[in-house]
Amino acid sequence: MSAQRPPDSSRRSDRSRRAICDAALALVGEVGYAKTTIEGIAARAGVGKQTIYRWWPSKAAVLMEAFLDMSARQAAESAPETPEAGEDGAYGIPDTGDLAADLKLVLRATVDELNDPVSEAPTRALTAEGIIDPALGAQFVEALLEPQLQLYVTRLRAAQEAGEVREEVDPRVALELLIAPLTHRWLLRTLPLTHAYADAVVDHALSGLAVRP
């Protein structure tokens, strides 16, 4: 009979990390960020709270890693078959030659993501906590938002080169015309965030960005 192999500690750690991340996301969605505790996450994940403190300095740090891990998994599951991912794993905005159609496709996906009950609670929690904790806010921007913003910059610069967008337009400012309205409506919850609204945002923004006859 062959000798029994010792347990793989790296796999056990990976399983524990995944369980902790999943537990953090689930609890924030169920009871909210304020009522989520390290003790609750540990109990839900089936680990000791010292295990969590050994890997993360705070509840916010646990949620940050859990959210980034979830975002990476979602991106991998929905990744297109043809475009190649960049170094950060993000897939570029499609370039079909129709800027309006490409932007509407991406903004509609953004609407779906913001309305997704699985990701909405942790997104709101991290957004609010990032205002209170500048270090966490900076990490949130650097790790998640900035790679996505760069995709817009790349697509808008390509549109400039194709003569669709005026040369003097600053892509970094222009992308805010597209993203900020969706974020504003999502944060305030005063009006529904829909595909039709995303399409209208693109139409209004491009009317100011497009080359004038």
N, C-alpha and C. Protein backbone atom coordinates (compact mmCIF):
# COMPACT_ATOMS: atom_id res chain seq x y z
N MET A 1 0.84 -1.19 0.00
CA MET A 1 0.00 0.00 0.00
C MET A 1 0.88 1.23 0.00
N SER A 2 0.57 2.20 -0.86
CA SER A 2 1.40 3.40 -0.96
C SER A 2 1.26 4.27 0.27
N ALA A 3 2.32 4.98 0.57
CA ALA A 3 2.32 5.86 1.75
C ALA A 3 1.36 7.01 1.53
N GLN A 4 0.67 7.40 2.61
CA GLN A 4 -0.28 8.50 2.51
C GLN A 4 0.45 9.82 2.42
N ARG A 5 0.07 10.67 1.45
CA ARG A 5 0.72 11.96 1.28
C ARG A 5 0.25 12.94 2.34
N PRO A 6 1.17 13.78 2.83
CA PRO A 6 0.75 14.80 3.80
C PRO A 6 -0.14 15.84 3.13
N PRO A 7 -1.01 16.49 3.90
CA PRO A 7 -1.90 17.49 3.30
C PRO A 7 -1.11 18.65 2.71
N ASP A 8 -1.60 19.18 1.62
CA ASP A 8 -0.95 20.30 0.94
C ASP A 8 -1.37 21.59 1.64
N SER A 9 -0.44 22.20 2.38
CA SER A 9 -0.77 23.40 3.17
C SER A 9 -1.14 24.58 2.28
N SER A 10 -0.51 24.67 1.07
CA SER A 10 -0.81 25.79 0.19
C SER A 10 -2.25 25.70 -0.32
N ARG A 11 -2.69 24.47 -0.63
CA ARG A 11 -4.07 24.30 -1.07
C ARG A 11 -5.04 24.59 0.06
N ARG A 12 -4.69 24.14 1.28
CA ARG A 12 -5.56 24.39 2.41
C ARG A 12 -5.69 25.89 2.63
N SER A 13 -4.59 26.63 2.51
CA SER A 13 -4.63 28.07 2.68
C SER A 13 -5.47 28.72 1.60
N ASP A 14 -5.33 28.25 0.36
CA ASP A 14 -6.11 28.82 -0.73
C ASP A 14 -7.59 28.58 -0.51
N ARG A 15 -7.94 27.38 -0.06
CA ARG A 15 -9.34 27.09 0.23
C ARG A 15 -9.86 27.99 1.34
N SER A 16 -9.05 28.19 2.36
CA SER A 16 -9.46 29.04 3.48
C SER A 16 -9.64 30.48 3.03
N ARG A 17 -8.73 30.97 2.22
CA ARG A 17 -8.84 32.34 1.72
C ARG A 17 -10.11 32.51 0.90
N ARG A 18 -10.39 31.55 0.02
CA ARG A 18 -11.59 31.64 -0.80
C ARG A 18 -12.84 31.60 0.07
N ALA A 19 -12.83 30.72 1.09
CA ALA A 19 -13.98 30.63 1.99
C ALA A 19 -14.19 31.94 2.74
N ILE A 20 -13.10 32.57 3.17
CA ILE A 20 -13.19 33.84 3.89
C ILE A 20 -13.72 34.94 2.98
N CYS A 21 -13.21 34.99 1.76
CA CYS A 21 -13.67 36.01 0.80
C CYS A 21 -15.14 35.83 0.48
N ASP A 22 -15.55 34.59 0.24
CA ASP A 22 -16.95 34.32 -0.06
C ASP A 22 -17.84 34.68 1.13
N ALA A 23 -17.36 34.37 2.33
CA ALA A 23 -18.13 34.69 3.53
C ALA A 23 -18.29 36.19 3.71
N ALA A 24 -17.23 36.93 3.45
CA ALA A 24 -17.29 38.40 3.59
C ALA A 24 -18.30 38.99 2.63
N LEU A 25 -18.27 38.55 1.37
CA LEU A 25 -19.21 39.06 0.38
C LEU A 25 -20.65 38.70 0.74
N ALA A 26 -20.85 37.48 1.20
CA ALA A 26 -22.20 37.03 1.54
C ALA A 26 -22.76 37.82 2.72
N LEU A 27 -21.95 38.03 3.74
CA LEU A 27 -22.43 38.75 4.92
C LEU A 27 -22.73 40.21 4.62
N VAL A 28 -21.88 40.85 3.84
CA VAL A 28 -22.13 42.25 3.50
C VAL A 28 -23.44 42.36 2.72
N GLY A 29 -23.70 41.39 1.85
CA GLY A 29 -24.95 41.40 1.10
C GLY A 29 -26.16 41.14 1.96
N GLU A 30 -26.00 40.34 3.02
CA GLU A 30 -27.14 39.96 3.86
C GLU A 30 -27.42 40.96 4.98
N VAL A 31 -26.38 41.41 5.68
CA VAL A 31 -26.61 42.26 6.87
C VAL A 31 -26.04 43.66 6.72
N GLY A 32 -25.31 43.91 5.62
CA GLY A 32 -24.70 45.22 5.44
C GLY A 32 -23.29 45.28 5.99
N TYR A 33 -22.54 46.28 5.54
CA TYR A 33 -21.14 46.38 5.94
C TYR A 33 -21.00 46.67 7.43
N ALA A 34 -21.82 47.57 7.97
CA ALA A 34 -21.69 47.98 9.37
C ALA A 34 -21.86 46.80 10.32
N LYS A 35 -22.75 45.87 9.99
CA LYS A 35 -23.02 44.74 10.88
C LYS A 35 -22.13 43.54 10.59
N THR A 36 -21.34 43.61 9.55
CA THR A 36 -20.41 42.52 9.25
C THR A 36 -19.19 42.65 10.15
N THR A 37 -18.80 41.56 10.78
CA THR A 37 -17.65 41.58 11.69
C THR A 37 -16.65 40.50 11.30
N ILE A 38 -15.44 40.66 11.80
CA ILE A 38 -14.42 39.62 11.58
C ILE A 38 -14.88 38.31 12.19
N GLU A 39 -15.51 38.38 13.37
CA GLU A 39 -15.99 37.16 14.02
C GLU A 39 -17.06 36.49 13.16
N GLY A 40 -17.95 37.29 12.59
CA GLY A 40 -18.99 36.73 11.74
C GLY A 40 -18.43 36.10 10.48
N ILE A 41 -17.43 36.78 9.89
CA ILE A 41 -16.80 36.23 8.68
C ILE A 41 -16.12 34.91 9.01
N ALA A 42 -15.41 34.86 10.14
CA ALA A 42 -14.70 33.65 10.54
C ALA A 42 -15.67 32.50 10.75
N ALA A 43 -16.77 32.79 11.45
CA ALA A 43 -17.76 31.74 11.71
C ALA A 43 -18.37 31.23 10.41
N ARG A 44 -18.67 32.15 9.50
CA ARG A 44 -19.29 31.77 8.22
C ARG A 44 -18.31 30.95 7.38
N ALA A 45 -17.03 31.29 7.44
CA ALA A 45 -16.01 30.60 6.64
C ALA A 45 -15.52 29.32 7.29
N GLY A 46 -15.83 29.14 8.57
CA GLY A 46 -15.37 27.95 9.27
C GLY A 46 -13.90 27.99 9.63
N VAL A 47 -13.40 29.20 9.94
CA VAL A 47 -11.99 29.36 10.35
C VAL A 47 -11.95 30.16 11.64
N GLY A 48 -10.79 30.18 12.28
CA GLY A 48 -10.62 31.00 13.46
C GLY A 48 -10.37 32.45 13.07
N LYS A 49 -10.81 33.38 13.90
CA LYS A 49 -10.63 34.79 13.54
C LYS A 49 -9.16 35.18 13.48
N GLN A 50 -8.30 34.44 14.21
CA GLN A 50 -6.86 34.74 14.15
C GLN A 50 -6.30 34.43 12.76
N THR A 51 -6.92 33.49 12.07
CA THR A 51 -6.50 33.20 10.69
C THR A 51 -6.73 34.41 9.82
N ILE A 52 -7.86 35.08 10.01
CA ILE A 52 -8.16 36.27 9.23
C ILE A 52 -7.20 37.39 9.57
N TYR A 53 -6.97 37.60 10.86
CA TYR A 53 -6.06 38.67 11.27
C TYR A 53 -4.62 38.41 10.83
N ARG A 54 -4.28 37.15 10.61
CA ARG A 54 -2.93 36.83 10.15
C ARG A 54 -2.74 37.26 8.70
N TRP A 55 -3.82 37.30 7.92
CA TRP A 55 -3.72 37.62 6.49
C TRP A 55 -4.19 39.02 6.13
N TRP A 56 -5.07 39.59 6.95
CA TRP A 56 -5.61 40.93 6.64
C TRP A 56 -5.62 41.79 7.89
N PRO A 57 -5.35 43.09 7.75
CA PRO A 57 -5.31 43.98 8.93
C PRO A 57 -6.68 44.46 9.38
N SER A 58 -7.71 44.32 8.54
CA SER A 58 -9.01 44.88 8.90
C SER A 58 -10.12 44.22 8.09
N LYS A 59 -11.34 44.49 8.52
CA LYS A 59 -12.52 44.01 7.79
C LYS A 59 -12.55 44.59 6.39
N ALA A 60 -12.20 45.86 6.27
CA ALA A 60 -12.21 46.51 4.96
C ALA A 60 -11.22 45.84 4.01
N ALA A 61 -10.07 45.44 4.53
CA ALA A 61 -9.06 44.78 3.70
C ALA A 61 -9.56 43.43 3.22
N VAL A 62 -10.28 42.71 4.08
CA VAL A 62 -10.86 41.43 3.67
C VAL A 62 -11.84 41.65 2.52
N LEU A 63 -12.71 42.63 2.69
CA LEU A 63 -13.72 42.90 1.67
C LEU A 63 -13.08 43.36 0.37
N MET A 64 -12.02 44.15 0.46
CA MET A 64 -11.33 44.61 -0.74
C MET A 64 -10.80 43.43 -1.54
N GLU A 65 -10.09 42.52 -0.87
CA GLU A 65 -9.55 41.37 -1.59
C GLU A 65 -10.66 40.48 -2.13
N ALA A 66 -11.73 40.33 -1.34
CA ALA A 66 -12.85 39.51 -1.79
C ALA A 66 -13.50 40.11 -3.03
N PHE A 67 -13.63 41.43 -3.05
CA PHE A 67 -14.27 42.10 -4.18
C PHE A 67 -13.38 42.00 -5.42
N LEU A 68 -12.08 42.20 -5.26
CA LEU A 68 -11.17 42.09 -6.39
C LEU A 68 -11.15 40.68 -6.94
N ASP A 69 -11.19 39.70 -6.04
CA ASP A 69 -11.21 38.30 -6.48
C ASP A 69 -12.49 38.00 -7.25
N MET A 70 -13.63 38.50 -6.74
CA MET A 70 -14.90 38.30 -7.42
C MET A 70 -14.90 38.97 -8.79
N SER A 71 -14.37 40.19 -8.86
CA SER A 71 -14.32 40.91 -10.13
C SER A 71 -13.47 40.17 -11.15
N ALA A 72 -12.34 39.61 -10.69
CA ALA A 72 -11.46 38.87 -11.59
C ALA A 72 -12.15 37.62 -12.12
N ARG A 73 -12.88 36.93 -11.26
CA ARG A 73 -13.59 35.73 -11.69
C ARG A 73 -14.69 36.06 -12.69
N GLN A 74 -15.44 37.14 -12.40
CA GLN A 74 -16.50 37.55 -13.31
C GLN A 74 -15.94 37.96 -14.67
N ALA A 75 -14.81 38.67 -14.65
CA ALA A 75 -14.19 39.09 -15.91
C ALA A 75 -13.73 37.88 -16.72
N ALA A 76 -13.18 36.87 -16.03
CA ALA A 76 -12.71 35.68 -16.72
C ALA A 76 -13.88 34.90 -17.33
N GLU A 77 -15.01 34.86 -16.60
CA GLU A 77 -16.17 34.11 -17.08
C GLU A 77 -16.83 34.78 -18.28
N SER A 78 -16.79 36.13 -18.31
CA SER A 78 -17.46 36.85 -19.38
C SER A 78 -16.50 37.35 -20.45
N ALA A 79 -15.23 36.95 -20.37
CA ALA A 79 -14.23 37.44 -21.32
C ALA A 79 -14.55 36.98 -22.73
N PRO A 80 -14.38 37.87 -23.72
CA PRO A 80 -14.60 37.49 -25.11
C PRO A 80 -13.54 36.51 -25.57
N GLU A 81 -13.83 35.79 -26.63
CA GLU A 81 -12.91 34.76 -27.08
C GLU A 81 -11.75 35.33 -27.89
N THR A 82 -11.96 36.45 -28.59
CA THR A 82 -10.92 36.93 -29.49
C THR A 82 -9.97 37.96 -28.91
N PRO A 83 -10.45 39.05 -28.24
CA PRO A 83 -9.49 40.05 -27.77
C PRO A 83 -8.58 39.47 -26.70
N GLU A 84 -7.37 39.94 -26.65
CA GLU A 84 -6.43 39.50 -25.64
C GLU A 84 -6.45 40.46 -24.47
N ALA A 85 -6.29 39.91 -23.29
CA ALA A 85 -6.28 40.74 -22.09
C ALA A 85 -4.95 41.45 -21.96
N GLY A 86 -4.99 42.62 -21.31
CA GLY A 86 -3.77 43.34 -21.03
C GLY A 86 -3.05 42.75 -19.84
N GLU A 87 -1.97 43.40 -19.40
CA GLU A 87 -1.19 42.89 -18.29
C GLU A 87 -2.00 42.82 -17.01
N ASP A 88 -2.98 43.71 -16.84
CA ASP A 88 -3.78 43.71 -15.63
C ASP A 88 -4.98 42.76 -15.74
N GLY A 89 -5.10 42.04 -16.87
CA GLY A 89 -6.18 41.09 -17.03
C GLY A 89 -7.46 41.70 -17.58
N ALA A 90 -7.47 42.98 -17.81
CA ALA A 90 -8.67 43.65 -18.29
C ALA A 90 -8.77 43.56 -19.81
N TYR A 91 -9.97 43.33 -20.29
CA TYR A 91 -10.20 43.26 -21.73
C TYR A 91 -10.60 44.62 -22.25
N GLY A 92 -10.12 44.96 -23.44
CA GLY A 92 -10.36 46.28 -23.99
C GLY A 92 -11.79 46.46 -24.47
N ILE A 93 -12.19 47.72 -24.58
CA ILE A 93 -13.48 48.05 -25.15
C ILE A 93 -13.42 47.71 -26.64
N PRO A 94 -14.43 47.06 -27.18
CA PRO A 94 -14.38 46.66 -28.59
C PRO A 94 -14.25 47.88 -29.51
N ASP A 95 -13.58 47.66 -30.63
CA ASP A 95 -13.42 48.72 -31.62
C ASP A 95 -13.96 48.19 -32.94
N THR A 96 -15.25 48.40 -33.15
CA THR A 96 -15.91 47.93 -34.37
C THR A 96 -15.92 48.99 -35.46
N GLY A 97 -15.41 50.18 -35.12
CA GLY A 97 -15.50 51.30 -36.04
C GLY A 97 -16.71 52.17 -35.77
N ASP A 98 -17.57 51.73 -34.87
CA ASP A 98 -18.76 52.49 -34.48
C ASP A 98 -18.60 52.84 -33.00
N LEU A 99 -18.10 54.04 -32.71
CA LEU A 99 -17.80 54.42 -31.33
C LEU A 99 -19.04 54.39 -30.46
N ALA A 100 -20.15 54.91 -30.96
CA ALA A 100 -21.37 54.95 -30.17
C ALA A 100 -21.82 53.54 -29.78
N ALA A 101 -21.81 52.63 -30.74
CA ALA A 101 -22.25 51.26 -30.46
C ALA A 101 -21.32 50.58 -29.46
N ASP A 102 -20.02 50.82 -29.60
CA ASP A 102 -19.05 50.20 -28.69
C ASP A 102 -19.24 50.71 -27.26
N LEU A 103 -19.42 52.02 -27.12
CA LEU A 103 -19.59 52.60 -25.79
C LEU A 103 -20.91 52.17 -25.16
N LYS A 104 -21.95 52.09 -25.95
CA LYS A 104 -23.25 51.65 -25.42
C LYS A 104 -23.17 50.21 -24.93
N LEU A 105 -22.44 49.38 -25.66
CA LEU A 105 -22.27 47.99 -25.24
C LEU A 105 -21.61 47.91 -23.87
N VAL A 106 -20.56 48.70 -23.68
CA VAL A 106 -19.82 48.67 -22.42
C VAL A 106 -20.61 49.30 -21.29
N LEU A 107 -21.27 50.43 -21.55
CA LEU A 107 -22.04 51.07 -20.50
C LEU A 107 -23.26 50.25 -20.09
N ARG A 108 -23.85 49.53 -21.04
CA ARG A 108 -24.95 48.63 -20.67
C ARG A 108 -24.45 47.53 -19.74
N ALA A 109 -23.25 47.01 -20.01
CA ALA A 109 -22.66 46.01 -19.13
C ALA A 109 -22.38 46.60 -17.75
N THR A 110 -21.97 47.86 -17.72
CA THR A 110 -21.72 48.53 -16.45
C THR A 110 -23.01 48.67 -15.65
N VAL A 111 -24.10 49.02 -16.33
CA VAL A 111 -25.40 49.10 -15.69
C VAL A 111 -25.78 47.76 -15.07
N ASP A 112 -25.58 46.68 -15.81
CA ASP A 112 -25.90 45.35 -15.31
C ASP A 112 -25.07 45.02 -14.07
N GLU A 113 -23.80 45.41 -14.10
CA GLU A 113 -22.92 45.12 -12.97
C GLU A 113 -23.33 45.93 -11.74
N LEU A 114 -23.66 47.20 -11.93
CA LEU A 114 -24.06 48.04 -10.80
C LEU A 114 -25.39 47.58 -10.20
N ASN A 115 -26.26 47.02 -11.03
CA ASN A 115 -27.55 46.54 -10.56
C ASN A 115 -27.51 45.12 -10.03
N ASP A 116 -26.39 44.44 -10.20
CA ASP A 116 -26.26 43.05 -9.75
C ASP A 116 -26.28 43.01 -8.22
N PRO A 117 -27.25 42.33 -7.61
CA PRO A 117 -27.33 42.30 -6.14
C PRO A 117 -26.12 41.64 -5.48
N VAL A 118 -25.42 40.79 -6.21
CA VAL A 118 -24.24 40.13 -5.63
C VAL A 118 -23.10 41.12 -5.42
N SER A 119 -22.91 42.02 -6.38
CA SER A 119 -21.78 42.95 -6.29
C SER A 119 -22.17 44.33 -5.77
N GLU A 120 -23.46 44.65 -5.76
CA GLU A 120 -23.86 46.01 -5.39
C GLU A 120 -23.49 46.34 -3.94
N ALA A 121 -23.80 45.45 -3.00
CA ALA A 121 -23.54 45.73 -1.59
C ALA A 121 -22.05 45.95 -1.31
N PRO A 122 -21.16 45.03 -1.75
CA PRO A 122 -19.73 45.29 -1.49
C PRO A 122 -19.20 46.52 -2.23
N THR A 123 -19.75 46.82 -3.41
CA THR A 123 -19.30 48.01 -4.13
C THR A 123 -19.66 49.27 -3.35
N ARG A 124 -20.89 49.33 -2.86
CA ARG A 124 -21.31 50.48 -2.06
C ARG A 124 -20.49 50.59 -0.78
N ALA A 125 -20.23 49.44 -0.14
CA ALA A 125 -19.47 49.44 1.11
C ALA A 125 -18.06 49.97 0.90
N LEU A 126 -17.40 49.49 -0.15
CA LEU A 126 -16.04 49.93 -0.42
C LEU A 126 -16.00 51.39 -0.85
N THR A 127 -17.01 51.83 -1.60
CA THR A 127 -17.08 53.23 -2.01
C THR A 127 -17.20 54.14 -0.80
N ALA A 128 -18.08 53.77 0.13
CA ALA A 128 -18.28 54.58 1.34
C ALA A 128 -17.05 54.52 2.25
N GLU A 129 -16.50 53.33 2.42
CA GLU A 129 -15.34 53.18 3.31
C GLU A 129 -14.13 53.89 2.73
N GLY A 130 -14.03 53.92 1.40
CA GLY A 130 -12.90 54.59 0.77
C GLY A 130 -12.89 56.08 1.00
N ILE A 131 -14.06 56.66 1.24
CA ILE A 131 -14.14 58.09 1.56
C ILE A 131 -13.59 58.35 2.96
N ILE A 132 -13.88 57.43 3.88
CA ILE A 132 -13.41 57.57 5.26
C ILE A 132 -11.94 57.21 5.40
N ASP A 133 -11.53 56.17 4.69
CA ASP A 133 -10.16 55.65 4.76
C ASP A 133 -9.45 55.96 3.44
N PRO A 134 -8.65 57.03 3.39
CA PRO A 134 -7.98 57.43 2.14
C PRO A 134 -7.09 56.33 1.57
N ALA A 135 -6.42 55.57 2.44
CA ALA A 135 -5.53 54.51 1.95
C ALA A 135 -6.34 53.42 1.24
N LEU A 136 -7.48 53.06 1.82
CA LEU A 136 -8.33 52.05 1.19
C LEU A 136 -8.90 52.60 -0.11
N GLY A 137 -9.30 53.87 -0.09
CA GLY A 137 -9.84 54.48 -1.29
C GLY A 137 -8.82 54.50 -2.43
N ALA A 138 -7.57 54.81 -2.09
CA ALA A 138 -6.52 54.82 -3.10
C ALA A 138 -6.28 53.42 -3.66
N GLN A 139 -6.34 52.42 -2.79
CA GLN A 139 -6.15 51.04 -3.25
C GLN A 139 -7.30 50.62 -4.16
N PHE A 140 -8.51 51.02 -3.81
CA PHE A 140 -9.69 50.70 -4.62
C PHE A 140 -9.56 51.30 -6.01
N VAL A 141 -9.11 52.55 -6.07
CA VAL A 141 -8.95 53.23 -7.36
C VAL A 141 -7.84 52.57 -8.17
N GLU A 142 -6.70 52.32 -7.53
CA GLU A 142 -5.55 51.78 -8.25
C GLU A 142 -5.79 50.36 -8.75
N ALA A 143 -6.38 49.53 -7.90
CA ALA A 143 -6.52 48.12 -8.24
C ALA A 143 -7.70 47.83 -9.15
N LEU A 144 -8.78 48.60 -9.01
CA LEU A 144 -9.98 48.27 -9.75
C LEU A 144 -10.40 49.33 -10.76
N LEU A 145 -10.48 50.58 -10.33
CA LEU A 145 -11.03 51.61 -11.21
C LEU A 145 -10.06 52.04 -12.30
N GLU A 146 -8.81 52.27 -11.95
CA GLU A 146 -7.87 52.81 -12.93
C GLU A 146 -7.69 51.92 -14.15
N PRO A 147 -7.55 50.59 -13.99
CA PRO A 147 -7.45 49.75 -15.20
C PRO A 147 -8.67 49.87 -16.11
N GLN A 148 -9.85 50.03 -15.52
CA GLN A 148 -11.06 50.18 -16.33
C GLN A 148 -11.09 51.53 -17.02
N LEU A 149 -10.65 52.58 -16.32
CA LEU A 149 -10.64 53.91 -16.92
C LEU A 149 -9.68 53.95 -18.11
N GLN A 150 -8.58 53.24 -18.01
CA GLN A 150 -7.61 53.23 -19.09
C GLN A 150 -8.18 52.61 -20.37
N LEU A 151 -9.14 51.72 -20.22
CA LEU A 151 -9.78 51.12 -21.39
C LEU A 151 -10.54 52.19 -22.18
N TYR A 152 -11.19 53.10 -21.46
CA TYR A 152 -11.90 54.20 -22.13
C TYR A 152 -10.91 55.14 -22.82
N VAL A 153 -9.81 55.42 -22.13
CA VAL A 153 -8.80 56.31 -22.71
C VAL A 153 -8.29 55.72 -24.03
N THR A 154 -7.98 54.44 -24.01
CA THR A 154 -7.47 53.77 -25.21
C THR A 154 -8.49 53.83 -26.35
N ARG A 155 -9.76 53.55 -26.04
CA ARG A 155 -10.78 53.55 -27.11
C ARG A 155 -11.04 54.96 -27.64
N LEU A 156 -11.05 55.95 -26.76
CA LEU A 156 -11.30 57.32 -27.21
C LEU A 156 -10.12 57.86 -28.03
N ARG A 157 -8.91 57.47 -27.68
CA ARG A 157 -7.75 57.90 -28.47
C ARG A 157 -7.80 57.26 -29.86
N ALA A 158 -8.25 56.01 -29.92
CA ALA A 158 -8.41 55.36 -31.22
C ALA A 158 -9.46 56.09 -32.05
N ALA A 159 -10.50 56.56 -31.40
CA ALA A 159 -11.54 57.31 -32.11
C ALA A 159 -11.01 58.66 -32.60
N GLN A 160 -10.11 59.26 -31.82
CA GLN A 160 -9.48 60.50 -32.27
C GLN A 160 -8.64 60.25 -33.53
N GLU A 161 -7.87 59.17 -33.52
CA GLU A 161 -7.03 58.84 -34.66
C GLU A 161 -7.88 58.53 -35.90
N ALA A 162 -9.10 58.01 -35.67
CA ALA A 162 -9.99 57.68 -36.79
C ALA A 162 -10.80 58.88 -37.24
N GLY A 163 -10.63 60.03 -36.57
CA GLY A 163 -11.36 61.23 -36.96
C GLY A 163 -12.78 61.30 -36.46
N GLU A 164 -13.11 60.47 -35.45
CA GLU A 164 -14.47 60.48 -34.89
C GLU A 164 -14.61 61.46 -33.73
N VAL A 165 -13.49 61.74 -33.06
CA VAL A 165 -13.49 62.62 -31.89
C VAL A 165 -12.49 63.73 -32.14
N ARG A 166 -12.85 64.95 -31.74
CA ARG A 166 -11.98 66.10 -31.98
C ARG A 166 -10.61 65.92 -31.32
N GLU A 167 -9.58 66.40 -31.97
CA GLU A 167 -8.21 66.21 -31.50
C GLU A 167 -7.96 66.88 -30.16
N GLU A 168 -8.63 68.00 -29.89
CA GLU A 168 -8.36 68.73 -28.65
C GLU A 168 -9.06 68.14 -27.43
N VAL A 169 -9.89 67.13 -27.62
CA VAL A 169 -10.61 66.51 -26.51
C VAL A 169 -9.62 65.72 -25.64
N ASP A 170 -9.71 65.91 -24.33
CA ASP A 170 -8.90 65.16 -23.37
C ASP A 170 -9.65 63.88 -23.01
N PRO A 171 -9.13 62.70 -23.37
CA PRO A 171 -9.85 61.45 -23.09
C PRO A 171 -10.15 61.23 -21.62
N ARG A 172 -9.25 61.70 -20.74
CA ARG A 172 -9.48 61.51 -19.31
C ARG A 172 -10.69 62.30 -18.84
N VAL A 173 -10.90 63.48 -19.40
CA VAL A 173 -12.08 64.26 -19.07
C VAL A 173 -13.31 63.68 -19.76
N ALA A 174 -13.14 63.29 -21.01
CA ALA A 174 -14.26 62.77 -21.79
C ALA A 174 -14.86 61.52 -21.17
N LEU A 175 -14.02 60.63 -20.63
CA LEU A 175 -14.56 59.39 -20.07
C LEU A 175 -15.46 59.66 -18.86
N GLU A 176 -15.19 60.78 -18.17
CA GLU A 176 -16.04 61.12 -17.03
C GLU A 176 -17.44 61.53 -17.48
N LEU A 177 -17.56 62.05 -18.70
CA LEU A 177 -18.87 62.36 -19.23
C LEU A 177 -19.71 61.10 -19.41
N LEU A 178 -19.04 59.97 -19.56
CA LEU A 178 -19.72 58.70 -19.76
C LEU A 178 -19.98 57.97 -18.44
N ILE A 179 -18.99 57.96 -17.56
CA ILE A 179 -19.08 57.16 -16.34
C ILE A 179 -19.78 57.89 -15.20
N ALA A 180 -19.49 59.17 -15.05
CA ALA A 180 -20.02 59.91 -13.90
C ALA A 180 -21.54 59.91 -13.81
N PRO A 181 -22.28 60.11 -14.92
CA PRO A 181 -23.74 60.10 -14.80
C PRO A 181 -24.30 58.77 -14.26
N LEU A 182 -23.71 57.66 -14.71
CA LEU A 182 -24.17 56.36 -14.22
C LEU A 182 -23.88 56.21 -12.74
N THR A 183 -22.66 56.59 -12.33
CA THR A 183 -22.28 56.49 -10.92
C THR A 183 -23.17 57.38 -10.05
N HIS A 184 -23.44 58.60 -10.52
CA HIS A 184 -24.27 59.53 -9.78
C HIS A 184 -25.67 58.97 -9.56
N ARG A 185 -26.27 58.44 -10.60
CA ARG A 185 -27.62 57.89 -10.48
C ARG A 185 -27.62 56.65 -9.59
N TRP A 186 -26.58 55.84 -9.70
CA TRP A 186 -26.48 54.63 -8.88
C TRP A 186 -26.32 54.98 -7.40
N LEU A 187 -25.51 55.98 -7.09
CA LEU A 187 -25.28 56.36 -5.70
C LEU A 187 -26.54 56.95 -5.06
N LEU A 188 -27.25 57.80 -5.79
CA LEU A 188 -28.40 58.48 -5.22
C LEU A 188 -29.66 57.61 -5.17
N ARG A 189 -29.77 56.65 -6.08
CA ARG A 189 -30.92 55.74 -6.14
C ARG A 189 -32.24 56.49 -6.35
N THR A 190 -32.17 57.66 -6.92
CA THR A 190 -33.40 58.44 -7.10
C THR A 190 -34.15 58.04 -8.35
N LEU A 191 -33.42 57.61 -9.37
CA LEU A 191 -34.02 57.21 -10.64
C LEU A 191 -33.44 55.87 -11.07
N PRO A 192 -34.19 55.09 -11.84
CA PRO A 192 -33.70 53.76 -12.25
C PRO A 192 -32.48 53.87 -13.16
N LEU A 193 -31.57 52.93 -12.99
CA LEU A 193 -30.38 52.85 -13.83
C LEU A 193 -30.65 51.77 -14.87
N THR A 194 -30.83 52.18 -16.12
CA THR A 194 -31.29 51.27 -17.17
C THR A 194 -30.39 51.34 -18.40
N HIS A 195 -30.59 50.39 -19.30
CA HIS A 195 -29.86 50.41 -20.57
C HIS A 195 -30.23 51.64 -21.38
N ALA A 196 -31.50 52.02 -21.34
CA ALA A 196 -31.93 53.20 -22.09
C ALA A 196 -31.21 54.45 -21.60
N TYR A 197 -31.01 54.54 -20.30
CA TYR A 197 -30.29 55.69 -19.75
C TYR A 197 -28.84 55.67 -20.20
N ALA A 198 -28.21 54.49 -20.19
CA ALA A 198 -26.82 54.37 -20.64
C ALA A 198 -26.69 54.80 -22.10
N ASP A 199 -27.64 54.39 -22.93
CA ASP A 199 -27.62 54.79 -24.34
C ASP A 199 -27.74 56.31 -24.48
N ALA A 200 -28.62 56.91 -23.66
CA ALA A 200 -28.81 58.36 -23.72
C ALA A 200 -27.55 59.10 -23.30
N VAL A 201 -26.85 58.57 -22.29
CA VAL A 201 -25.60 59.19 -21.83
C VAL A 201 -24.58 59.20 -22.96
N VAL A 202 -24.46 58.08 -23.68
CA VAL A 202 -23.52 58.00 -24.79
C VAL A 202 -23.89 59.00 -25.88
N ASP A 203 -25.16 59.07 -26.22
CA ASP A 203 -25.60 59.98 -27.28
C ASP A 203 -25.33 61.43 -26.91
N HIS A 204 -25.62 61.79 -25.67
CA HIS A 204 -25.39 63.17 -25.24
C HIS A 204 -23.91 63.50 -25.19
N ALA A 205 -23.10 62.55 -24.67
CA ALA A 205 -21.67 62.80 -24.56
C ALA A 205 -21.03 62.94 -25.93
N LEU A 206 -21.37 62.04 -26.85
CA LEU A 206 -20.75 62.07 -28.17
C LEU A 206 -21.19 63.28 -28.99
N SER A 207 -22.33 63.83 -28.68
CA SER A 207 -22.75 65.03 -29.40
C SER A 207 -21.83 66.19 -29.09
N GLY A 208 -21.16 66.13 -27.95
CA GLY A 208 -20.19 67.17 -27.61
C GLY A 208 -18.77 66.82 -27.97
N LEU A 209 -18.49 65.53 -28.20
CA LEU A 209 -17.12 65.09 -28.49
C LEU A 209 -16.85 64.95 -29.99
N ALA A 210 -17.89 64.74 -30.74
CA ALA A 210 -17.72 64.40 -32.15
C ALA A 210 -17.14 65.57 -32.96
N VAL A 211 -16.51 65.19 -34.04
CA VAL A 211 -15.96 66.21 -34.96
C VAL A 211 -17.11 67.00 -35.55
N ARG A 212 -16.96 68.32 -35.58
CA ARG A 212 -18.02 69.19 -36.07
C ARG A 212 -17.80 69.50 -37.56
N PRO A 213 -18.89 69.47 -38.34
CA PRO A 213 -18.75 69.74 -39.77
C PRO A 213 -18.35 71.20 -40.01
